[in-house]
Amino acid sequence: MGVRLPAIVALFAGVFVLEITWTAAEILLPIIGESFRVGVGQLGLVVAGFPIGYAATSLPSGLAVLRWGHRTTLVAGLSLMGLAGLLCLGATTPLELASLRVAVGAGGGLFFAPSLAFQAELLPERLRSLVLGLFVSTGLGFGGALGFVLGALWGPTYGWQYVFGIAASLSIAAAVVCALTLPALHHPEAPPAPVARADTARRVLRSPSVWGLSIGFAGISMAIAVGLDFISSYLHDVHPGWGIGLAGLLGAVGLATTIPGSLLGTWVGERGMDRRWVAALLTAAFGAAAVAIPFLDALELVVEFAFLGLLAGATLPIFFVMTSHFPEVQQGGSAVAIGFLETAQVVAQGGAAVLFAVVVVHTNFTWGWVLFGLLAIATLPALRAIVPNRAVRPASRP
């Protein structure tokens, strides 16, 4: 792979740090709540801060790629994530922390879409689906699981500030590694003029396939986010005897099983079947399984989260790989398409965090889990707007 391997390794390191930064806050919610003496209602703002900032910059990150390139945009994102993370350590109120988490999320949004699009352009077709699938799932699996583990291990002893400081330092280190390692992508044509950049963005943003994918993907994104965001608060309030350690284990198990899930999803997605219907079936299974969360005991929850992680891991690469096959994203539009997709998902996730907290406050956790399990299924009809999306299988030799 030549120069590709160091670049891919650097980008994987970046996405690991992104997920550590995201999930560490979720496992630490009870500790943050005790630090500020607030309940789950106000903690919903802290949870929503990161995805709100992420959503605000995901689409602009694609436009920034057209102007400044992939490397500059994603390094700026990692740097912002680290610097804003360090400022979180001085927060004195939940609102202050939530506001700073918006800035941290904004850095994450500037990183993710350019990094995914960078690999889509850097890799040959035969490797693209596998690497993109692993990028999404191992970032979520290794990085996300590590965030849960670090939060569960260090949070109760050293406080949430210690864990946030570690995550911020890793973000700055990842920015330096990417700046020193990533090559510039050279295209034979001259950089696009402002009018050409606007035409590329307009073509992508008007695509029915991009809109259909974004809406269809939103349901499972909300269900995944709520499961990770509130499992520690759920156990703390409903099953206090089970402890924060079980919450860390559930998050780590669920995230870790996304990795074998991604291999399964990549394999299924490359069999020549229409990816739309494969994604729909996997998502429907995920939503149905998520409804069962409040009715399970501790051991059953471990099995449940492993199963949910496997389904999520199989689904995510299929959704992301579909974007690279839309005709509207050719000629430099992949970063814009991925940025729009990510914007839609994190807006949905941020709204889901606030709505879930409201549902729990006015009813209970059971109704919250059931609602978001059903939402994973409810958005699937939007996938009909996507053009048929199949892998091109190599012709057999005579």
Protein backbone atom coordinates (compact mmCIF):
# COMPACT_ATOMS: atom_id res chain seq x y z
CA MET A 1 0.00 0.00 0.00
CA GLY A 2 3.06 2.27 0.05
CA VAL A 3 2.36 5.62 1.63
CA ARG A 4 -1.21 4.55 2.32
CA LEU A 5 -0.45 2.38 5.36
CA PRO A 6 1.05 5.11 7.63
CA ALA A 7 -1.78 7.44 6.58
CA ILE A 8 -4.45 4.86 7.38
CA VAL A 9 -2.85 4.07 10.75
CA ALA A 10 -2.76 7.79 11.64
CA LEU A 11 -6.43 8.22 10.72
CA PHE A 12 -7.41 5.15 12.74
CA ALA A 13 -5.59 6.66 15.73
CA GLY A 14 -7.58 9.85 15.24
CA VAL A 15 -10.94 8.09 15.18
CA PHE A 16 -9.99 6.07 18.29
CA VAL A 17 -9.38 9.34 20.14
CA LEU A 18 -12.63 10.81 18.81
CA GLU A 19 -14.64 7.92 20.20
CA ILE A 20 -12.77 7.91 23.53
CA THR A 21 -13.61 11.59 23.90
CA TRP A 22 -17.26 10.97 23.04
CA THR A 23 -18.01 7.89 25.14
CA ALA A 24 -15.94 8.72 28.22
CA ALA A 25 -18.43 11.48 29.08
CA GLU A 26 -21.36 9.07 28.82
CA ILE A 27 -20.06 6.56 31.37
CA LEU A 28 -19.13 9.46 33.68
CA LEU A 29 -22.62 10.99 33.80
CA PRO A 30 -23.45 9.82 37.34
CA ILE A 31 -20.10 11.19 38.58
CA ILE A 32 -20.62 14.49 36.74
CA GLY A 33 -24.12 14.68 38.21
CA GLU A 34 -22.80 14.19 41.74
CA SER A 35 -20.04 16.76 41.14
CA PHE A 36 -22.56 19.44 40.12
CA ARG A 37 -25.42 18.06 42.24
CA VAL A 38 -27.85 17.76 39.33
CA GLY A 39 -30.14 14.99 38.03
CA VAL A 40 -30.62 13.22 34.71
CA GLY A 41 -32.68 16.07 33.25
CA GLN A 42 -29.77 18.52 33.31
CA LEU A 43 -27.25 15.85 32.40
CA GLY A 44 -29.09 15.48 29.09
CA LEU A 45 -27.60 18.86 28.13
CA VAL A 46 -24.08 17.58 28.83
CA VAL A 47 -24.75 14.52 26.67
CA ALA A 48 -26.24 16.63 23.88
CA GLY A 49 -23.35 19.12 23.83
CA PHE A 50 -20.90 16.94 21.91
CA PRO A 51 -23.32 15.85 19.14
CA ILE A 52 -24.65 19.39 18.74
CA GLY A 53 -21.13 20.72 18.10
CA TYR A 54 -20.37 17.72 15.90
CA ALA A 55 -23.47 18.40 13.82
CA ALA A 56 -22.61 22.08 13.45
CA THR A 57 -19.29 21.33 11.71
CA SER A 58 -19.84 17.98 9.93
CA LEU A 59 -21.31 19.50 6.77
CA PRO A 60 -19.00 22.57 6.78
CA SER A 61 -16.08 20.13 7.09
CA GLY A 62 -16.98 18.71 3.69
CA LEU A 63 -17.09 22.19 2.21
CA ALA A 64 -13.78 23.02 3.90
CA VAL A 65 -12.19 20.02 2.19
CA LEU A 66 -13.12 21.50 -1.19
CA ARG A 67 -11.32 24.70 -0.20
CA TRP A 68 -8.38 23.68 2.05
CA GLY A 69 -8.03 19.94 1.55
CA HIS A 70 -8.55 16.86 3.70
CA ARG A 71 -5.37 17.04 5.78
CA THR A 72 -5.67 20.65 6.89
CA THR A 73 -9.34 20.27 7.79
CA LEU A 74 -9.04 17.09 9.85
CA VAL A 75 -5.89 18.22 11.70
CA ALA A 76 -7.69 21.44 12.65
CA GLY A 77 -10.57 19.32 13.95
CA LEU A 78 -8.38 17.18 16.19
CA SER A 79 -6.60 20.28 17.51
CA LEU A 80 -9.89 21.99 18.39
CA MET A 81 -11.15 18.83 20.07
CA GLY A 82 -8.06 18.69 22.28
CA LEU A 83 -7.88 22.36 23.20
CA ALA A 84 -11.60 22.63 24.00
CA GLY A 85 -11.33 19.39 26.00
CA LEU A 86 -8.67 20.97 28.21
CA LEU A 87 -10.95 23.95 28.83
CA CYS A 88 -13.66 21.54 30.06
CA LEU A 89 -11.52 20.89 33.13
CA GLY A 90 -12.32 24.36 34.44
CA ALA A 91 -16.11 24.11 34.05
CA THR A 92 -17.99 25.10 37.22
CA THR A 93 -21.62 24.45 36.15
CA PRO A 94 -23.39 21.85 33.97
CA LEU A 95 -24.28 24.55 31.44
CA GLU A 96 -20.66 25.64 31.21
CA LEU A 97 -19.53 22.05 30.68
CA ALA A 98 -22.24 21.46 28.07
CA SER A 99 -21.15 24.60 26.19
CA LEU A 100 -17.52 23.50 26.14
CA ARG A 101 -18.57 20.01 25.02
CA VAL A 102 -20.19 21.72 22.03
CA ALA A 103 -16.73 23.03 21.07
CA VAL A 104 -15.18 19.59 21.62
CA GLY A 105 -17.83 18.06 19.37
CA ALA A 106 -17.22 20.73 16.74
CA GLY A 107 -13.63 19.53 16.52
CA GLY A 108 -14.82 15.95 16.13
CA GLY A 109 -17.14 16.98 13.32
CA LEU A 110 -14.28 18.68 11.46
CA PHE A 111 -12.27 15.46 11.69
CA PHE A 112 -14.61 12.59 10.83
CA ALA A 113 -16.04 13.31 7.37
CA PRO A 114 -12.70 14.47 5.86
CA SER A 115 -10.93 11.42 7.31
CA LEU A 116 -13.49 9.01 5.84
CA ALA A 117 -13.52 10.78 2.47
CA PHE A 118 -9.70 10.89 2.47
CA GLN A 119 -9.59 7.10 2.68
CA ALA A 120 -12.30 6.69 0.05
CA GLU A 121 -10.14 8.65 -2.40
CA LEU A 122 -6.84 7.13 -1.29
CA LEU A 123 -7.82 3.46 -1.45
CA PRO A 124 -8.46 1.28 -4.49
CA GLU A 125 -11.97 -0.14 -4.97
CA ARG A 126 -11.00 -3.63 -3.80
CA LEU A 127 -9.94 -2.32 -0.35
CA ARG A 128 -12.32 0.59 0.11
CA SER A 129 -15.33 -1.22 1.54
CA LEU A 130 -13.30 -3.28 4.01
CA VAL A 131 -11.15 -0.40 5.30
CA LEU A 132 -14.04 2.06 5.58
CA GLY A 133 -16.09 -0.52 7.43
CA LEU A 134 -13.25 -1.25 9.84
CA PHE A 135 -12.57 2.47 10.28
CA VAL A 136 -16.12 3.12 11.46
CA SER A 137 -16.47 -0.04 13.54
CA THR A 138 -13.02 -0.19 15.16
CA GLY A 139 -13.22 3.50 16.01
CA LEU A 140 -16.56 2.84 17.68
CA GLY A 141 -15.44 -0.54 19.02
CA PHE A 142 -11.89 0.01 20.29
CA GLY A 143 -12.06 3.74 20.93
CA GLY A 144 -15.59 3.74 22.29
CA ALA A 145 -14.99 0.70 24.48
CA LEU A 146 -11.76 2.21 25.79
CA GLY A 147 -13.63 5.40 26.68
CA PHE A 148 -16.11 3.37 28.70
CA VAL A 149 -13.36 1.35 30.39
CA LEU A 150 -11.22 4.38 31.27
CA GLY A 151 -14.24 6.23 32.60
CA ALA A 152 -15.35 3.28 34.73
CA LEU A 153 -11.83 2.62 36.07
CA TRP A 154 -10.54 6.13 36.69
CA GLY A 155 -13.69 8.23 37.06
CA PRO A 156 -14.79 7.03 40.52
CA THR A 157 -11.22 7.38 41.89
CA TYR A 158 -9.82 10.48 40.19
CA GLY A 159 -12.94 12.32 39.01
CA TRP A 160 -14.34 13.13 35.59
CA GLN A 161 -11.80 15.94 35.04
CA TYR A 162 -8.92 13.45 35.03
CA VAL A 163 -10.50 11.33 32.30
CA PHE A 164 -11.38 14.40 30.24
CA GLY A 165 -7.79 15.63 30.54
CA ILE A 166 -6.40 12.31 29.25
CA ALA A 167 -8.78 12.38 26.27
CA ALA A 168 -7.86 15.99 25.43
CA SER A 169 -4.14 15.22 25.55
CA LEU A 170 -4.62 12.26 23.21
CA SER A 171 -6.51 14.49 20.75
CA ILE A 172 -3.61 16.93 20.55
CA ALA A 173 -1.14 14.06 20.09
CA ALA A 174 -3.28 12.59 17.29
CA ALA A 175 -3.36 15.99 15.56
CA VAL A 176 0.44 16.12 15.55
CA VAL A 177 0.72 12.55 14.19
CA CYS A 178 -1.76 13.23 11.38
CA ALA A 179 -0.05 16.52 10.45
CA LEU A 180 3.31 14.73 10.14
CA THR A 181 2.04 11.56 8.45
CA LEU A 182 -0.77 12.29 6.01
CA PRO A 183 0.14 12.99 2.39
CA ALA A 184 -1.56 15.64 0.30
CA LEU A 185 -3.99 14.19 -2.24
CA HIS A 186 -2.91 15.25 -5.71
CA HIS A 187 -5.43 15.44 -8.52
CA PRO A 188 -4.52 16.07 -12.14
CA GLU A 189 -6.98 18.93 -12.41
CA ALA A 190 -6.52 22.32 -10.78
CA PRO A 191 -8.20 22.99 -7.43
CA PRO A 192 -11.88 23.82 -8.00
CA ALA A 193 -12.89 27.46 -8.29
CA PRO A 194 -15.51 28.84 -5.90
CA VAL A 195 -18.29 28.38 -8.48
CA ALA A 196 -17.26 24.77 -9.11
CA ARG A 197 -17.14 24.08 -5.36
CA ALA A 198 -20.62 25.50 -4.95
CA ASP A 199 -21.89 23.37 -7.85
CA THR A 200 -20.41 20.23 -6.27
CA ALA A 201 -22.00 20.98 -2.90
CA ARG A 202 -25.35 21.84 -4.51
CA ARG A 203 -25.39 18.60 -6.50
CA VAL A 204 -24.77 16.51 -3.37
CA LEU A 205 -27.23 18.36 -1.15
CA ARG A 206 -30.03 17.99 -3.71
CA SER A 207 -29.53 14.24 -4.06
CA PRO A 208 -32.61 12.16 -3.07
CA SER A 209 -30.26 9.28 -2.30
CA VAL A 210 -28.25 11.38 0.18
CA TRP A 211 -31.44 12.57 1.89
CA GLY A 212 -32.98 9.09 1.94
CA LEU A 213 -29.85 7.56 3.43
CA SER A 214 -29.56 10.31 6.05
CA ILE A 215 -33.15 9.90 7.23
CA GLY A 216 -33.10 6.11 7.07
CA PHE A 217 -29.87 6.02 9.07
CA ALA A 218 -31.16 8.41 11.74
CA GLY A 219 -33.30 5.87 13.61
CA ILE A 220 -30.54 3.40 14.41
CA SER A 221 -28.15 6.28 15.17
CA MET A 222 -30.57 7.57 17.81
CA ALA A 223 -31.05 4.12 19.33
CA ILE A 224 -27.29 3.46 19.48
CA ALA A 225 -26.59 6.87 21.00
CA VAL A 226 -29.28 6.59 23.67
CA GLY A 227 -28.09 3.12 24.63
CA LEU A 228 -24.54 4.36 25.16
CA ASP A 229 -25.49 7.73 26.65
CA PHE A 230 -27.85 6.56 29.36
CA ILE A 231 -26.97 2.99 30.29
CA SER A 232 -24.91 4.18 33.28
CA SER A 233 -27.71 6.51 34.48
CA TYR A 234 -30.26 3.73 33.94
CA LEU A 235 -28.32 1.28 36.09
CA HIS A 236 -27.55 3.96 38.69
CA ASP A 237 -31.24 4.86 39.13
CA VAL A 238 -33.04 1.57 38.47
CA HIS A 239 -30.47 -1.05 39.54
CA PRO A 240 -28.15 0.78 41.96
CA GLY A 241 -26.79 -2.47 43.34
CA TRP A 242 -25.28 -3.44 39.98
CA GLY A 243 -22.71 -0.61 40.02
CA ILE A 244 -20.95 1.56 37.42
CA GLY A 245 -18.63 -1.32 36.59
CA LEU A 246 -21.49 -3.20 34.89
CA ALA A 247 -22.33 -0.09 32.86
CA GLY A 248 -18.72 0.08 31.70
CA LEU A 249 -18.79 -3.62 30.84
CA LEU A 250 -22.02 -3.27 28.84
CA GLY A 251 -20.69 -0.30 26.86
CA ALA A 252 -17.37 -2.02 26.22
CA VAL A 253 -19.00 -5.30 25.15
CA GLY A 254 -21.47 -3.56 22.87
CA LEU A 255 -18.79 -1.44 21.24
CA ALA A 256 -16.25 -4.24 20.95
CA THR A 257 -18.66 -6.52 19.09
CA THR A 258 -19.14 -3.87 16.41
CA ILE A 259 -15.75 -4.98 15.05
CA PRO A 260 -16.70 -8.56 14.09
CA GLY A 261 -20.05 -7.08 13.09
CA SER A 262 -18.32 -4.81 10.57
CA LEU A 263 -16.58 -7.77 8.98
CA LEU A 264 -19.94 -9.51 8.70
CA GLY A 265 -21.59 -6.39 7.27
CA THR A 266 -18.78 -5.84 4.76
CA TRP A 267 -18.98 -9.45 3.61
CA VAL A 268 -22.77 -9.36 3.23
CA GLY A 269 -22.67 -5.96 1.54
CA GLU A 270 -20.24 -7.22 -1.10
CA ARG A 271 -22.29 -10.31 -2.05
CA GLY A 272 -24.16 -8.43 -4.78
CA MET A 273 -27.41 -7.93 -2.84
CA ASP A 274 -29.01 -4.50 -2.74
CA ARG A 275 -27.39 -2.81 0.26
CA ARG A 276 -30.57 -0.84 1.01
CA TRP A 277 -32.51 -3.94 2.00
CA VAL A 278 -29.61 -5.53 3.85
CA ALA A 279 -29.30 -2.37 5.97
CA ALA A 280 -33.07 -2.29 6.54
CA LEU A 281 -33.21 -5.88 7.78
CA LEU A 282 -30.26 -5.43 10.14
CA THR A 283 -31.67 -2.15 11.49
CA ALA A 284 -35.12 -3.66 12.08
CA ALA A 285 -33.52 -6.48 14.06
CA PHE A 286 -31.57 -3.92 16.11
CA GLY A 287 -34.68 -1.90 16.93
CA ALA A 288 -36.65 -4.97 17.96
CA ALA A 289 -33.83 -6.12 20.22
CA ALA A 290 -33.39 -2.67 21.82
CA VAL A 291 -36.98 -2.69 23.06
CA ALA A 292 -36.09 -5.59 25.39
CA ILE A 293 -33.43 -3.68 27.39
CA PRO A 294 -35.58 -2.71 30.43
CA PHE A 295 -36.88 -6.27 30.86
CA LEU A 296 -33.52 -8.06 31.22
CA ASP A 297 -31.37 -8.99 34.20
CA ALA A 298 -27.63 -8.24 34.46
CA LEU A 299 -26.33 -11.32 32.62
CA GLU A 300 -28.98 -11.04 29.93
CA LEU A 301 -28.01 -7.40 29.40
CA VAL A 302 -24.41 -8.41 28.69
CA VAL A 303 -25.63 -10.83 25.99
CA GLU A 304 -28.08 -8.21 24.74
CA PHE A 305 -25.40 -5.54 24.31
CA ALA A 306 -23.12 -8.01 22.54
CA PHE A 307 -25.94 -8.78 20.10
CA LEU A 308 -26.80 -5.10 19.60
CA GLY A 309 -23.13 -4.30 18.97
CA LEU A 310 -22.90 -7.06 16.38
CA LEU A 311 -25.97 -5.73 14.54
CA ALA A 312 -24.78 -2.12 14.75
CA GLY A 313 -21.32 -3.06 13.49
CA ALA A 314 -22.82 -4.93 10.54
CA THR A 315 -25.09 -2.02 9.65
CA LEU A 316 -22.78 1.01 9.94
CA PRO A 317 -20.27 0.12 7.18
CA ILE A 318 -23.12 -0.65 4.77
CA PHE A 319 -24.61 2.80 5.32
CA PHE A 320 -21.28 4.60 4.92
CA VAL A 321 -20.08 2.59 1.92
CA MET A 322 -23.31 3.35 0.08
CA THR A 323 -22.38 7.03 -0.11
CA SER A 324 -19.27 6.36 -2.20
CA HIS A 325 -21.41 4.75 -4.91
CA PHE A 326 -23.87 7.62 -5.39
CA PRO A 327 -23.29 9.26 -8.80
CA GLU A 328 -23.79 12.70 -7.24
CA VAL A 329 -20.72 12.40 -5.00
CA GLN A 330 -18.19 11.86 -7.76
CA GLN A 331 -15.62 14.57 -8.58
CA GLY A 332 -14.84 15.52 -5.00
CA GLY A 333 -18.29 15.39 -3.43
CA SER A 334 -17.72 12.46 -1.08
CA ALA A 335 -16.67 14.63 1.89
CA VAL A 336 -19.79 16.79 1.46
CA ALA A 337 -22.05 13.72 1.32
CA ILE A 338 -20.46 12.15 4.40
CA GLY A 339 -20.56 15.49 6.20
CA PHE A 340 -24.28 15.84 5.47
CA LEU A 341 -24.91 12.25 6.59
CA GLU A 342 -23.01 12.82 9.82
CA THR A 343 -24.82 16.12 10.44
CA ALA A 344 -28.18 14.41 10.16
CA GLN A 345 -27.11 11.64 12.52
CA VAL A 346 -25.67 13.77 15.27
CA VAL A 347 -28.59 16.23 15.16
CA ALA A 348 -30.85 13.22 15.65
CA GLN A 349 -28.61 11.90 18.44
CA GLY A 350 -28.50 15.23 20.26
CA GLY A 351 -32.27 15.57 20.02
CA ALA A 352 -32.66 11.97 21.15
CA ALA A 353 -30.57 12.62 24.27
CA VAL A 354 -32.76 15.54 25.32
CA LEU A 355 -36.01 13.76 24.40
CA PHE A 356 -34.97 10.58 26.20
CA ALA A 357 -34.24 12.57 29.36
CA VAL A 358 -37.67 14.26 29.11
CA VAL A 359 -39.43 10.91 28.64
CA VAL A 360 -37.61 9.43 31.64
CA VAL A 361 -38.42 12.41 33.86
CA HIS A 362 -42.14 12.31 32.97
CA THR A 363 -42.56 8.51 32.76
CA ASN A 364 -39.71 6.07 33.40
CA PHE A 365 -36.72 4.42 31.75
CA THR A 366 -38.81 1.57 30.36
CA TRP A 367 -40.83 3.87 28.10
CA GLY A 368 -37.62 5.59 27.02
CA TRP A 369 -35.97 2.36 25.83
CA VAL A 370 -39.13 1.17 24.07
CA LEU A 371 -39.59 4.49 22.27
CA PHE A 372 -36.09 4.58 20.83
CA GLY A 373 -36.11 0.92 19.86
CA LEU A 374 -39.19 1.64 17.77
CA LEU A 375 -37.65 4.81 16.32
CA ALA A 376 -34.82 2.72 14.86
CA ILE A 377 -37.43 0.98 12.70
CA ALA A 378 -39.67 3.99 12.00
CA THR A 379 -37.21 5.85 9.74
CA LEU A 380 -36.42 2.88 7.46
CA PRO A 381 -39.01 3.67 4.72
CA ALA A 382 -36.81 6.64 3.71
CA LEU A 383 -34.30 4.16 2.24
CA ARG A 384 -36.66 3.73 -0.71
CA ALA A 385 -35.43 7.12 -1.99
CA ILE A 386 -31.95 5.67 -2.58
CA VAL A 387 -31.04 4.41 -6.02
CA PRO A 388 -30.35 0.62 -6.14
CA ASN A 389 -27.00 0.13 -4.48
CA ARG A 390 -25.16 -3.12 -5.17
CA ALA A 391 -21.53 -4.14 -5.04
CA VAL A 392 -20.03 -4.76 -8.48
CA ARG A 393 -18.81 -8.32 -8.37
CA PRO A 394 -15.80 -9.21 -10.52
CA ALA A 395 -16.63 -11.10 -13.68
CA SER A 396 -15.78 -14.78 -13.47
CA ARG A 397 -12.91 -16.02 -15.57
CA PRO A 398 -13.75 -18.13 -18.62
